[in-house]
Amino acid sequence: MNIKGRYIVSACALLFTQLATAAGMDCAKAASVVEIAICANKPLYELDVQMGAVYGRLIKAATQRQPEVKSAQRQWLKTRDACGEDVSCLNQRYTDRLQALHAQWTDAVAYQPDDIDKQVTEDLQQRIRDMSKVYPEFALERAVGSLTISKGQTSFDGDPNDDPSEDHTLFPKKTPKGVTQDEWRALTASGLDADAAQGRATYTLMDLDGDGQRDLLIATYTGGTGLFTFYDTLRRDGGRFTRRLTPYDPEAGAGSSLFSISDRGADQWASWIKSHGRTYLAFRDGSYGVDELYLINPLKINRQIPTITVRYDYRLTVPRSQYREADNTTYKLDPGLRKTLSRALIKSNAGKPQQPSESTAPLCPIPASGEGDDNYSSYGASYYAVEPVTDMTVIIGNDCYIARLINWYGRYGEKDGLNALLMLRKPGSADPEQSYSINGRRHVTQVSSEVSARGAELF
């Protein structure tokens, strides 16, 4: 699923694509039209194999709902058999049922936030409110920073690959500095070469569950269009490290993800925090006017995640000094134009984040020879790595321009605050578009929390 320029990898989706090793129906005993059709079609037979594996896991996980699950499966078999030898119908029946079983399996094994999680969320929420009175621009960062774990961690990189054509690293051959011999034996016994094969890997040892033994975080840079880095955790379990999914799916392997970060477009960061004796992965996902902070249980499957939402308003300004990308120089903006652009920003109410307008009314008058309504009602398509904030009208002299304020998903710094661009084009004209730097200073307007159903995408 794509979320503001990033992808979150679902363990459920991963399992769906893996061919289960459990046996499918016994084709030597196939008797009905449906059974013969399935056995004669390899893709259908493989779906039946997956069905057996996922159904078996669900029966084990949903102990109190077994009668209900079994009854639903018997009913599904009737609908499947109604397809007869229609391969397309059978394929659809299996696909739909597998998706339903996966969803039920996830519900059955996912971690359920408890009273301690609720208290942690409420306390952090209040901490952000208190910080906003002193640090109105960076209340969230300060609050999270006050709980960040700063000790007890050891990090090391994978070894360079001997083959220059390969982009992934290799699991280290020698004991890294800061790793005990006991931890090294457990690491080498855990088959971590498969994780390194996914990309350039970095490993961090830290105690994630408070049992006195350090667990393992693996960060793997895979690149791609979003320059993605995927993160997963393994629990220290006796003489080895085991994956989060292993208690529920013994066949789980490398490639699952607790969360991911995109370095192109998205404004995201993650921090390990500790509160009320528990360790959380505080994952922040930002956009214009809002930050969402997810408190993720690092060693569980997370479907419902405590989420804190921080909202901001901005005081937008048009800097006098502007940058000209064509020749990499700066120039002083004409005072009259600067005033015009400032008025347009104020009139658009862009400093108070809002839902994009669905209005199709033209932003500039459509002449009789105009190219059509679409060319006059919005700025047009936008690049995926930037976030459109709002479209507006700018009148310069006697000319009407359509402008769009864009930013990089609320990315914010101490020096300039919000860095944004106001892009202008004259509809119906072949003149090149123009752009002007916009800065903004933010302050917190609202802090709220909920248990987010979007946690279904974060495993």
Protein backbone atom coordinates (compact mmCIF):
# COMPACT_ATOMS: atom_id res chain seq x y z
CA MET A 1 0.00 0.00 0.00
CA ASN A 2 1.36 3.42 -0.92
CA ILE A 3 1.17 6.02 1.82
CA LYS A 4 2.47 9.49 0.95
CA GLY A 5 5.32 8.26 -1.20
CA ARG A 6 6.16 5.17 0.79
CA TYR A 7 5.23 1.50 0.94
CA ILE A 8 4.51 -0.50 4.05
CA VAL A 9 5.23 -4.21 3.59
CA SER A 10 2.56 -6.46 5.07
CA ALA A 11 3.52 -9.81 6.53
CA CYS A 12 0.07 -10.95 5.51
CA ALA A 13 0.78 -10.05 1.89
CA LEU A 14 4.16 -11.75 2.14
CA LEU A 15 2.59 -14.96 3.35
CA PHE A 16 0.00 -14.77 0.60
CA THR A 17 2.71 -14.86 -2.06
CA GLN A 18 4.60 -17.77 -0.53
CA LEU A 19 3.65 -21.28 -1.63
CA ALA A 20 2.85 -23.16 1.53
CA THR A 21 4.46 -26.55 2.02
CA ALA A 22 1.37 -28.16 3.51
CA ALA A 23 -0.22 -30.84 1.32
CA GLY A 24 -3.20 -29.96 -0.84
CA MET A 25 -5.99 -32.36 -1.72
CA ASP A 26 -5.04 -35.95 -2.54
CA CYS A 27 -5.34 -35.96 -6.33
CA ALA A 28 -5.08 -39.77 -6.42
CA LYS A 29 -8.51 -39.78 -4.79
CA ALA A 30 -10.03 -36.93 -6.81
CA ALA A 31 -13.59 -37.92 -7.70
CA SER A 32 -15.82 -34.87 -8.12
CA VAL A 33 -15.80 -32.56 -11.12
CA VAL A 34 -14.33 -29.80 -8.94
CA GLU A 35 -11.54 -31.98 -7.51
CA ILE A 36 -10.55 -33.22 -10.97
CA ALA A 37 -10.51 -29.65 -12.31
CA ILE A 38 -8.27 -28.49 -9.44
CA CYS A 39 -5.83 -31.37 -9.81
CA ALA A 40 -5.59 -30.79 -13.56
CA ASN A 41 -4.64 -27.12 -13.09
CA LYS A 42 -1.34 -26.40 -11.31
CA PRO A 43 -2.16 -22.78 -10.26
CA LEU A 44 -5.47 -23.95 -8.79
CA TYR A 45 -3.78 -26.82 -6.98
CA GLU A 46 -1.23 -24.40 -5.51
CA LEU A 47 -4.08 -22.22 -4.27
CA ASP A 48 -5.56 -25.29 -2.61
CA VAL A 49 -2.21 -25.95 -0.93
CA GLN A 50 -2.14 -22.39 0.39
CA MET A 51 -5.72 -22.79 1.57
CA GLY A 52 -4.79 -25.82 3.65
CA ALA A 53 -1.80 -24.07 5.23
CA VAL A 54 -3.59 -20.82 6.10
CA TYR A 55 -6.73 -22.59 7.33
CA GLY A 56 -4.59 -24.81 9.56
CA ARG A 57 -2.82 -21.79 11.08
CA LEU A 58 -6.14 -20.04 11.68
CA ILE A 59 -7.61 -23.08 13.45
CA LYS A 60 -4.58 -23.14 15.78
CA ALA A 61 -4.68 -19.41 16.45
CA ALA A 62 -8.45 -18.88 16.87
CA THR A 63 -9.00 -21.50 19.53
CA GLN A 64 -12.22 -19.97 20.87
CA ARG A 65 -13.68 -19.44 17.40
CA GLN A 66 -12.94 -22.87 15.92
CA PRO A 67 -16.60 -23.92 15.51
CA GLU A 68 -17.38 -20.66 13.71
CA VAL A 69 -14.31 -20.97 11.47
CA LYS A 70 -15.08 -24.60 10.59
CA SER A 71 -18.70 -23.78 9.80
CA ALA A 72 -17.65 -20.91 7.51
CA GLN A 73 -15.17 -23.18 5.73
CA ARG A 74 -17.85 -25.83 5.10
CA GLN A 75 -20.13 -23.14 3.66
CA TRP A 76 -17.31 -21.89 1.44
CA LEU A 77 -16.73 -25.42 0.10
CA LYS A 78 -20.33 -25.44 -1.09
CA THR A 79 -19.86 -22.16 -2.97
CA ARG A 80 -16.59 -23.45 -4.43
CA ASP A 81 -18.20 -26.68 -5.62
CA ALA A 82 -20.93 -24.66 -7.34
CA CYS A 83 -18.25 -23.53 -9.82
CA GLY A 84 -18.00 -27.04 -11.26
CA GLU A 85 -15.10 -27.18 -13.70
CA ASP A 86 -15.10 -23.43 -14.38
CA VAL A 87 -11.44 -22.56 -13.71
CA SER A 88 -12.02 -18.80 -13.63
CA CYS A 89 -14.80 -19.19 -11.07
CA LEU A 90 -12.68 -21.54 -8.92
CA ASN A 91 -9.72 -19.17 -9.02
CA GLN A 92 -11.90 -16.29 -7.82
CA ARG A 93 -13.43 -18.39 -5.03
CA TYR A 94 -9.99 -19.41 -3.74
CA THR A 95 -8.56 -15.90 -4.00
CA ASP A 96 -11.45 -14.34 -2.08
CA ARG A 97 -11.39 -17.02 0.61
CA LEU A 98 -7.63 -16.79 1.11
CA GLN A 99 -7.90 -13.04 1.64
CA ALA A 100 -10.66 -13.56 4.20
CA LEU A 101 -8.70 -16.27 6.04
CA HIS A 102 -5.57 -14.11 6.13
CA ALA A 103 -7.55 -11.23 7.65
CA GLN A 104 -9.03 -13.55 10.31
CA TRP A 105 -5.60 -15.02 11.03
CA THR A 106 -4.14 -11.55 11.51
CA ASP A 107 -6.98 -10.60 13.87
CA ALA A 108 -6.36 -13.76 15.88
CA VAL A 109 -2.60 -13.38 16.36
CA ALA A 110 -2.17 -9.59 16.39
CA TYR A 111 -1.21 -7.78 19.57
CA GLN A 112 -4.06 -5.99 21.33
CA PRO A 113 -3.13 -2.70 23.07
CA ASP A 114 -3.79 -2.86 26.83
CA ASP A 115 -4.21 -0.40 29.71
CA ILE A 116 -0.47 0.25 29.95
CA ASP A 117 -0.35 1.17 26.26
CA LYS A 118 -3.30 3.49 26.84
CA GLN A 119 -1.53 5.16 29.76
CA VAL A 120 1.69 5.57 27.77
CA THR A 121 -0.29 7.21 24.95
CA GLU A 122 -2.10 9.58 27.32
CA ASP A 123 1.11 10.55 29.10
CA LEU A 124 2.98 11.22 25.84
CA GLN A 125 0.03 13.20 24.53
CA GLN A 126 0.11 15.42 27.62
CA ARG A 127 3.88 15.74 27.37
CA ILE A 128 3.51 17.08 23.82
CA ARG A 129 0.90 19.61 25.00
CA ASP A 130 3.18 20.78 27.81
CA MET A 131 6.17 21.03 25.45
CA SER A 132 4.11 23.09 22.95
CA LYS A 133 3.90 25.93 25.49
CA VAL A 134 7.69 26.25 25.47
CA TYR A 135 8.59 24.79 22.06
CA PRO A 136 5.58 25.50 19.80
CA GLU A 137 7.44 24.39 16.67
CA PHE A 138 9.12 21.22 17.97
CA ALA A 139 6.88 19.97 20.77
CA LEU A 140 6.59 16.47 19.29
CA GLU A 141 10.33 16.11 18.73
CA ARG A 142 11.10 17.34 22.27
CA ALA A 143 8.53 15.05 23.87
CA VAL A 144 9.75 11.97 22.03
CA GLY A 145 13.37 12.95 22.66
CA SER A 146 12.75 13.07 26.41
CA LEU A 147 11.82 9.35 26.30
CA THR A 148 14.41 8.18 23.76
CA ILE A 149 16.61 5.24 24.73
CA SER A 150 20.24 6.33 24.50
CA LYS A 151 22.14 3.43 26.08
CA GLY A 152 22.52 -0.31 25.73
CA GLN A 153 22.66 -0.41 21.92
CA THR A 154 25.33 -1.89 19.66
CA SER A 155 25.16 -1.38 15.89
CA PHE A 156 27.26 -2.85 13.08
CA ASP A 157 27.09 -3.01 9.29
CA GLY A 158 27.14 -5.99 6.98
CA ASP A 159 30.42 -6.78 5.22
CA PRO A 160 30.97 -5.45 1.67
CA ASN A 161 30.11 -7.87 -1.09
CA ASP A 162 33.05 -9.38 -3.00
CA ASP A 163 31.04 -9.17 -6.20
CA PRO A 164 30.86 -5.48 -7.26
CA SER A 165 27.78 -6.19 -9.38
CA GLU A 166 25.82 -7.14 -6.27
CA ASP A 167 24.25 -4.32 -4.23
CA HIS A 168 23.66 -6.28 -1.03
CA THR A 169 26.04 -6.80 1.88
CA LEU A 170 27.08 -10.03 3.61
CA PHE A 171 26.54 -10.98 7.22
CA PRO A 172 29.84 -10.28 9.05
CA LYS A 173 32.37 -13.08 9.33
CA LYS A 174 34.05 -11.67 12.46
CA THR A 175 32.60 -10.64 15.81
CA PRO A 176 31.75 -6.92 15.63
CA LYS A 177 32.91 -4.57 18.38
CA GLY A 178 30.49 -4.45 21.32
CA VAL A 179 28.94 -7.86 20.60
CA THR A 180 29.46 -10.49 23.32
CA GLN A 181 30.58 -13.99 22.44
CA ASP A 182 27.24 -15.35 23.63
CA GLU A 183 25.39 -12.92 21.34
CA TRP A 184 27.71 -13.75 18.45
CA ARG A 185 27.01 -17.47 18.77
CA ALA A 186 23.27 -16.74 18.72
CA LEU A 187 23.64 -14.42 15.72
CA THR A 188 25.61 -16.94 13.66
CA ALA A 189 23.06 -19.65 14.52
CA SER A 190 20.13 -17.58 13.25
CA GLY A 191 20.57 -17.78 9.46
CA LEU A 192 20.81 -14.04 8.88
CA ASP A 193 22.44 -14.33 5.45
CA ALA A 194 18.94 -14.28 3.95
CA ASP A 195 18.33 -10.79 5.38
CA ALA A 196 21.61 -9.48 3.97
CA ALA A 197 20.60 -10.77 0.54
CA GLN A 198 17.69 -8.29 0.53
CA GLY A 199 20.05 -5.29 0.31
CA ARG A 200 22.58 -3.33 2.35
CA ALA A 201 21.93 -4.39 5.94
CA THR A 202 22.70 -2.82 9.32
CA TYR A 203 22.21 -4.67 12.61
CA THR A 204 21.41 -3.26 16.06
CA LEU A 205 21.34 -5.19 19.34
CA MET A 206 19.15 -3.82 22.14
CA ASP A 207 16.79 -5.20 24.78
CA LEU A 208 13.29 -4.70 23.37
CA ASP A 209 11.25 -6.70 25.89
CA GLY A 210 13.01 -6.05 29.20
CA ASP A 211 14.14 -9.63 29.77
CA GLY A 212 17.80 -8.68 30.20
CA GLN A 213 18.86 -10.10 26.81
CA ARG A 214 19.38 -7.96 23.77
CA ASP A 215 17.13 -8.53 20.77
CA LEU A 216 17.97 -7.71 17.15
CA LEU A 217 16.84 -4.95 14.75
CA ILE A 218 17.76 -5.37 11.08
CA ALA A 219 17.60 -2.34 8.76
CA THR A 220 17.84 -3.18 5.06
CA TYR A 221 18.25 -0.54 2.38
CA THR A 222 16.64 -1.79 -0.83
CA GLY A 223 16.52 1.43 -2.83
CA GLY A 224 13.83 1.47 -5.50
CA THR A 225 11.85 4.53 -6.56
CA GLY A 226 11.25 5.53 -2.94
CA LEU A 227 14.80 4.81 -1.72
CA PHE A 228 13.26 2.48 0.86
CA THR A 229 14.80 1.13 4.04
CA PHE A 230 12.90 -1.74 5.70
CA TYR A 231 13.17 -2.61 9.38
CA ASP A 232 12.35 -5.83 11.19
CA THR A 233 13.03 -7.24 14.65
CA LEU A 234 14.04 -10.66 15.97
CA ARG A 235 13.63 -11.77 19.57
CA ARG A 236 16.49 -13.40 21.49
CA ASP A 237 15.19 -16.89 22.14
CA GLY A 238 17.74 -19.08 23.88
CA GLY A 239 20.66 -19.80 21.58
CA ARG A 240 19.30 -17.94 18.55
CA PHE A 241 17.23 -14.97 17.36
CA THR A 242 13.72 -15.72 16.08
CA ARG A 243 11.44 -13.61 13.88
CA ARG A 244 8.30 -11.92 15.13
CA LEU A 245 6.14 -14.14 12.95
CA THR A 246 7.74 -17.44 13.97
CA PRO A 247 5.38 -18.22 16.88
CA TYR A 248 2.46 -17.98 14.45
CA ASP A 249 4.08 -19.06 11.19
CA PRO A 250 7.06 -21.41 11.58
CA GLU A 251 7.89 -20.93 7.89
CA ALA A 252 8.30 -17.16 8.18
CA GLY A 253 11.58 -15.96 6.69
CA ALA A 254 13.48 -12.84 5.73
CA GLY A 255 11.58 -10.15 3.88
CA SER A 256 8.89 -9.19 6.37
CA SER A 257 8.86 -5.67 7.78
CA LEU A 258 7.90 -3.99 11.04
CA PHE A 259 7.96 -0.62 9.28
CA SER A 260 9.71 1.15 6.42
CA ILE A 261 11.04 4.62 5.68
CA SER A 262 11.18 6.35 2.31
CA ASP A 263 14.01 8.82 1.66
CA ARG A 264 12.28 10.31 -1.38
CA GLY A 265 9.36 12.62 -0.76
CA ALA A 266 8.07 11.27 2.55
CA ASP A 267 8.88 13.03 5.83
CA GLN A 268 9.45 10.20 8.31
CA TRP A 269 11.64 9.19 11.22
CA ALA A 270 11.66 6.57 13.95
CA SER A 271 12.92 6.56 17.52
CA TRP A 272 13.14 3.94 20.26
CA ILE A 273 11.43 5.18 23.41
CA LYS A 274 10.72 3.72 26.85
CA SER A 275 7.77 4.55 29.08
CA HIS A 276 6.07 2.70 31.94
CA GLY A 277 8.69 -0.05 31.65
CA ARG A 278 7.92 -0.80 27.98
CA THR A 279 9.91 -0.17 24.83
CA TYR A 280 8.15 1.19 21.75
CA LEU A 281 9.15 2.04 18.22
CA ALA A 282 7.84 5.60 17.85
CA PHE A 283 7.33 5.98 14.10
CA ARG A 284 6.47 9.46 12.85
CA ASP A 285 4.85 10.06 9.46
CA GLY A 286 4.53 13.72 8.57
CA SER A 287 2.63 15.79 6.04
CA TYR A 288 1.62 19.44 5.69
CA GLY A 289 -0.04 20.53 8.92
CA VAL A 290 -0.04 17.14 10.64
CA ASP A 291 2.28 14.58 12.22
CA GLU A 292 1.12 11.08 13.09
CA LEU A 293 3.13 9.19 15.69
CA TYR A 294 2.60 5.41 15.86
CA LEU A 295 3.61 3.57 19.05
CA ILE A 296 4.53 0.15 17.65
CA ASN A 297 5.15 -2.95 19.74
CA PRO A 298 8.54 -4.02 18.37
CA LEU A 299 8.25 -7.79 18.78
CA LYS A 300 4.59 -8.41 17.94
CA ILE A 301 2.27 -8.35 14.95
CA ASN A 302 0.63 -4.92 15.13
CA ARG A 303 -2.86 -4.47 13.77
CA GLN A 304 -4.26 -1.85 16.15
CA ILE A 305 -1.62 0.75 16.97
CA PRO A 306 -1.89 3.60 19.50
CA THR A 307 -1.51 6.75 17.39
CA ILE A 308 -0.97 10.37 18.42
CA THR A 309 -1.90 13.09 15.94
CA VAL A 310 -0.36 16.57 16.18
CA ARG A 311 -1.84 19.35 14.03
CA TYR A 312 -0.22 22.66 13.09
CA ASP A 313 -1.02 26.05 11.62
CA TYR A 314 1.66 28.02 9.72
CA ARG A 315 2.61 31.67 9.38
CA LEU A 316 3.66 31.77 5.73
CA THR A 317 6.05 34.37 4.35
CA VAL A 318 7.56 35.15 0.95
CA PRO A 319 11.34 35.65 1.41
CA ARG A 320 12.81 38.72 -0.25
CA SER A 321 15.84 36.71 -1.34
CA GLN A 322 14.88 34.12 -3.96
CA TYR A 323 16.81 31.34 -5.67
CA ARG A 324 17.05 31.01 -9.45
CA GLU A 325 17.61 27.34 -10.28
CA ALA A 326 18.43 27.95 -13.96
CA ASP A 327 21.77 29.58 -13.18
CA ASN A 328 22.15 28.69 -9.46
CA THR A 329 22.00 32.31 -8.32
CA THR A 330 19.96 34.37 -5.87
CA TYR A 331 18.09 37.59 -6.57
CA LYS A 332 15.93 40.13 -4.75
CA LEU A 333 12.21 39.77 -5.37
CA ASP A 334 10.40 42.86 -6.64
CA PRO A 335 8.55 44.41 -3.63
CA GLY A 336 5.30 44.72 -5.55
CA LEU A 337 5.37 41.09 -6.68
CA ARG A 338 6.30 39.97 -3.18
CA LYS A 339 3.29 41.81 -1.80
CA THR A 340 1.01 40.28 -4.44
CA LEU A 341 2.19 36.75 -3.66
CA SER A 342 1.79 37.34 0.10
CA ARG A 343 -1.80 38.53 -0.40
CA ALA A 344 -2.62 35.46 -2.48
CA LEU A 345 -1.29 33.16 0.26
CA ILE A 346 -3.35 34.95 2.90
CA LYS A 347 -6.51 34.89 0.79
CA SER A 348 -6.11 31.16 0.08
CA ASN A 349 -5.93 30.45 3.83
CA ALA A 350 -3.02 28.10 3.06
CA GLY A 351 -1.52 28.62 6.50
CA LYS A 352 -4.44 26.73 8.01
CA PRO A 353 -4.20 23.22 6.51
CA GLN A 354 -7.42 22.06 4.94
CA GLN A 355 -8.79 19.30 2.81
CA PRO A 356 -8.11 19.80 -0.92
CA SER A 357 -11.00 21.57 -2.56
CA GLU A 358 -13.19 19.50 -4.85
CA SER A 359 -14.49 22.61 -6.58
CA THR A 360 -14.30 22.59 -10.36
CA ALA A 361 -14.92 26.34 -10.69
CA PRO A 362 -12.28 28.05 -12.84
CA LEU A 363 -9.49 29.86 -10.97
CA CYS A 364 -8.96 32.14 -13.96
CA PRO A 365 -11.59 33.35 -16.46
CA ILE A 366 -11.99 31.00 -19.42
CA PRO A 367 -11.72 32.91 -22.69
CA ALA A 368 -13.81 31.93 -25.70
CA SER A 369 -10.74 30.30 -27.21
CA GLY A 370 -9.68 28.62 -23.95
CA GLU A 371 -8.40 25.05 -23.87
CA GLY A 372 -11.18 23.85 -21.58
CA ASP A 373 -12.32 23.85 -17.98
CA ASP A 374 -9.62 21.50 -16.67
CA ASN A 375 -6.87 23.85 -17.75
CA TYR A 376 -8.39 26.69 -15.71
CA SER A 377 -9.74 24.99 -12.57
CA SER A 378 -6.48 23.59 -11.14
CA TYR A 379 -2.75 23.74 -11.52
CA GLY A 380 -2.64 20.22 -12.96
CA ALA A 381 -0.86 16.97 -12.19
CA SER A 382 1.79 16.90 -9.46
CA TYR A 383 5.02 14.97 -8.99
CA TYR A 384 4.75 12.10 -6.49
CA ALA A 385 7.73 13.25 -4.39
CA VAL A 386 6.06 16.54 -3.42
CA GLU A 387 2.83 17.27 -1.58
CA PRO A 388 0.30 19.68 -3.13
CA VAL A 389 -1.14 21.95 -0.43
CA THR A 390 -3.64 24.11 -2.27
CA ASP A 391 -4.31 25.82 -5.61
CA MET A 392 -5.07 29.54 -5.78
CA THR A 393 -5.48 32.54 -8.06
CA VAL A 394 -2.71 35.16 -8.37
CA ILE A 395 -3.35 38.38 -10.31
CA ILE A 396 -0.16 40.05 -11.53
CA GLY A 397 -0.91 43.28 -13.36
CA ASN A 398 -3.73 42.43 -15.75
CA ASP A 399 -2.82 38.75 -16.00
CA CYS A 400 -4.44 35.87 -14.12
CA TYR A 401 -2.18 33.03 -12.98
CA ILE A 402 -3.02 29.69 -11.41
CA ALA A 403 -0.68 28.94 -8.51
CA ARG A 404 -0.03 25.85 -6.42
CA LEU A 405 1.68 25.73 -3.05
CA ILE A 406 3.72 22.55 -2.68
CA ASN A 407 5.99 21.23 0.04
CA TRP A 408 7.88 18.09 1.00
CA TYR A 409 5.32 16.47 3.31
CA GLY A 410 5.70 19.04 6.06
CA ARG A 411 9.48 18.66 6.31
CA TYR A 412 10.59 21.22 8.86
CA GLY A 413 13.91 22.64 10.07
CA GLU A 414 15.05 25.04 12.77
CA LYS A 415 16.63 27.57 10.38
CA ASP A 416 13.90 28.18 7.79
CA GLY A 417 10.99 26.26 9.26
CA LEU A 418 8.85 24.99 6.41
CA ASN A 419 10.42 25.11 2.95
CA ALA A 420 7.78 25.32 0.25
CA LEU A 421 7.35 26.52 -3.31
CA LEU A 422 4.65 28.60 -4.90
CA MET A 423 4.43 27.54 -8.55
CA LEU A 424 2.65 29.75 -11.09
CA ARG A 425 1.49 29.20 -14.63
CA LYS A 426 -0.62 31.30 -16.96
CA PRO A 427 -3.42 29.14 -18.40
CA GLY A 428 -3.62 29.05 -22.16
CA SER A 429 -0.05 30.31 -22.45
CA ALA A 430 3.11 28.54 -23.58
CA ASP A 431 5.21 30.64 -21.19
CA PRO A 432 7.32 28.58 -18.77
CA GLU A 433 6.03 28.18 -15.25
CA GLN A 434 7.50 30.30 -12.47
CA SER A 435 8.29 29.34 -8.89
CA TYR A 436 9.00 31.27 -5.69
CA SER A 437 10.32 30.10 -2.34
CA ILE A 438 7.90 30.22 0.57
CA ASN A 439 8.81 29.80 4.24
CA GLY A 440 6.53 29.00 7.14
CA ARG A 441 6.69 28.91 10.91
CA ARG A 442 4.35 26.47 12.61
CA HIS A 443 2.72 26.11 16.01
CA VAL A 444 0.74 23.25 17.53
CA THR A 445 -3.03 23.69 17.38
CA GLN A 446 -4.29 20.25 18.44
CA VAL A 447 -3.02 17.00 19.97
CA SER A 448 -5.26 13.93 19.90
CA SER A 449 -4.96 10.15 19.99
CA GLU A 450 -6.71 6.99 18.86
CA VAL A 451 -6.03 3.33 18.28
CA SER A 452 -5.43 3.39 14.56
CA ALA A 453 -6.96 0.75 12.31
CA ARG A 454 -4.27 1.68 9.81
CA GLY A 455 -2.01 -0.45 11.95
CA ALA A 456 -3.25 -3.33 9.80
CA GLU A 457 -0.60 -2.28 7.30
CA LEU A 458 2.19 -2.25 9.87
CA PHE A 459 3.39 -5.67 10.95
